Amino acid sequence: MISRQDLPHAGVWHTSSYSGKDNNCLEHSLLDDGRHAIRDAKDPSRRITVYVTGPAWQEFIDSQKRLPR
C-alpha cells in the first residue's frame, strides 16, 4: 500500500477555461517528478485520481482538440 507521504507533491491545480457549469470538469497539476496529476474538479478534497506521463498528457490534450465542438 502507498501512504500519502509517498505520493508526489501536486503544485497548483488548473481547470480548463472551457469548463462549464455542468460539473464535467477535470483539474490538472504538474507534479514534482514530471508526471501530470488529474482529479475530478467537483470534489477537489479527494485524492488524485490519475497520474500520467508528459507524452500521455499531451496525447490526451491533442485528442480533445480533434473532437467536434
C-alpha atoms as a PDB file:
ATOM      1  CA  MET A   1       0.000   0.000   0.000  1.00  0.00           C
ATOM      2  CA  ILE A   2       1.226   3.515  -0.798  1.00  0.00           C
ATOM      3  CA  SER A   3       0.975   6.023   2.009  1.00  0.00           C
ATOM      4  CA  ARG A   4       0.085   9.658   1.405  1.00  0.00           C
ATOM      5  CA  GLN A   5       3.612  10.726   2.268  1.00  0.00           C
ATOM      6  CA  ASP A   6       4.916   8.566  -0.618  1.00  0.00           C
ATOM      7  CA  LEU A   7       2.766  10.405  -3.157  1.00  0.00           C
ATOM      8  CA  PRO A   8       4.450  13.157  -5.172  1.00  0.00           C
ATOM      9  CA  HIS A   9       3.506  16.736  -4.328  1.00  0.00           C
ATOM     10  CA  ALA A  10       0.924  18.320  -6.620  1.00  0.00           C
ATOM     11  CA  GLY A  11       1.536  22.012  -7.142  1.00  0.00           C
ATOM     12  CA  VAL A  12      -1.057  24.428  -8.455  1.00  0.00           C
ATOM     13  CA  TRP A  13      -4.231  22.867  -9.836  1.00  0.00           C
ATOM     14  CA  HIS A  14      -5.665  24.199 -13.115  1.00  0.00           C
ATOM     15  CA  THR A  15      -9.165  23.888 -14.564  1.00  0.00           C
ATOM     16  CA  SER A  16      -9.784  24.370 -18.266  1.00  0.00           C
ATOM     17  CA  SER A  17     -11.198  27.697 -19.386  1.00  0.00           C
ATOM     18  CA  TYR A  18     -13.679  25.588 -21.395  1.00  0.00           C
ATOM     19  CA  SER A  19     -15.137  24.114 -18.205  1.00  0.00           C
ATOM     20  CA  GLY A  20     -18.821  24.784 -17.839  1.00  0.00           C
ATOM     21  CA  LYS A  21     -21.403  24.690 -15.087  1.00  0.00           C
ATOM     22  CA  ASP A  22     -22.338  21.039 -15.714  1.00  0.00           C
ATOM     23  CA  ASN A  23     -19.555  19.754 -13.397  1.00  0.00           C
ATOM     24  CA  ASN A  24     -17.946  17.588 -16.095  1.00  0.00           C
ATOM     25  CA  CYS A  25     -14.535  19.090 -15.435  1.00  0.00           C
ATOM     26  CA  LEU A  26     -11.071  17.857 -14.626  1.00  0.00           C
ATOM     27  CA  GLU A  27      -8.284  19.615 -12.794  1.00  0.00           C
ATOM     28  CA  HIS A  28      -4.650  19.149 -13.751  1.00  0.00           C
ATOM     29  CA  SER A  29      -1.386  19.695 -11.889  1.00  0.00           C
ATOM     30  CA  LEU A  30       2.242  19.141 -12.857  1.00  0.00           C
ATOM     31  CA  LEU A  31       3.943  17.006 -10.199  1.00  0.00           C
ATOM     32  CA  ASP A  32       7.451  17.442  -8.838  1.00  0.00           C
ATOM     33  CA  ASP A  33       8.526  14.213 -10.559  1.00  0.00           C
ATOM     34  CA  GLY A  34       7.391  15.413 -14.028  1.00  0.00           C
ATOM     35  CA  ARG A  35       4.177  13.408 -14.223  1.00  0.00           C
ATOM     36  CA  HIS A  36       0.774  15.017 -14.512  1.00  0.00           C
ATOM     37  CA  ALA A  37      -1.972  14.528 -11.920  1.00  0.00           C
ATOM     38  CA  ILE A  38      -5.649  14.606 -12.845  1.00  0.00           C
ATOM     39  CA  ARG A  39      -8.607  14.809 -10.461  1.00  0.00           C
ATOM     40  CA  ASP A  40     -12.340  15.457 -10.546  1.00  0.00           C
ATOM     41  CA  ALA A  41     -12.933  19.220 -10.238  1.00  0.00           C
ATOM     42  CA  LYS A  42     -16.265  18.876  -8.445  1.00  0.00           C
ATOM     43  CA  ASP A  43     -14.585  17.205  -5.448  1.00  0.00           C
ATOM     44  CA  PRO A  44     -11.061  18.648  -5.085  1.00  0.00           C
ATOM     45  CA  SER A  45     -10.742  17.403  -1.495  1.00  0.00           C
ATOM     46  CA  ARG A  46     -10.464  13.846  -2.799  1.00  0.00           C
ATOM     47  CA  ARG A  47      -7.082  12.449  -3.602  1.00  0.00           C
ATOM     48  CA  ILE A  48      -5.556  12.484  -7.064  1.00  0.00           C
ATOM     49  CA  THR A  49      -7.301  10.057  -9.368  1.00  0.00           C
ATOM     50  CA  VAL A  50      -4.834   9.525 -12.221  1.00  0.00           C
ATOM     51  CA  TYR A  51      -1.116  10.032 -12.838  1.00  0.00           C
ATOM     52  CA  VAL A  52       0.155  10.218 -16.435  1.00  0.00           C
ATOM     53  CA  THR A  53       3.452  10.927 -18.164  1.00  0.00           C
ATOM     54  CA  GLY A  54       4.061  14.094 -20.172  1.00  0.00           C
ATOM     55  CA  PRO A  55       3.577  12.381 -23.571  1.00  0.00           C
ATOM     56  CA  ALA A  56       0.338  10.730 -22.395  1.00  0.00           C
ATOM     57  CA  TRP A  57      -0.989  14.083 -21.155  1.00  0.00           C
ATOM     58  CA  GLN A  58      -0.134  15.743 -24.482  1.00  0.00           C
ATOM     59  CA  GLU A  59      -1.888  12.960 -26.404  1.00  0.00           C
ATOM     60  CA  PHE A  60      -4.992  13.472 -24.242  1.00  0.00           C
ATOM     61  CA  ILE A  61      -4.958  17.233 -24.950  1.00  0.00           C
ATOM     62  CA  ASP A  62      -4.440  16.674 -28.683  1.00  0.00           C
ATOM     63  CA  SER A  63      -7.276  14.128 -28.821  1.00  0.00           C
ATOM     64  CA  GLN A  64      -9.645  16.598 -27.160  1.00  0.00           C
ATOM     65  CA  LYS A  65      -8.762  19.268 -29.722  1.00  0.00           C
ATOM     66  CA  ARG A  66      -9.740  16.868 -32.516  1.00  0.00           C
ATOM     67  CA  LEU A  67     -13.254  16.334 -31.137  1.00  0.00           C
ATOM     68  CA  PRO A  68     -16.095  18.183 -32.876  1.00  0.00           C
ATOM     69  CA  ARG A  69     -17.454  21.111 -30.915  1.00  0.00           C
END
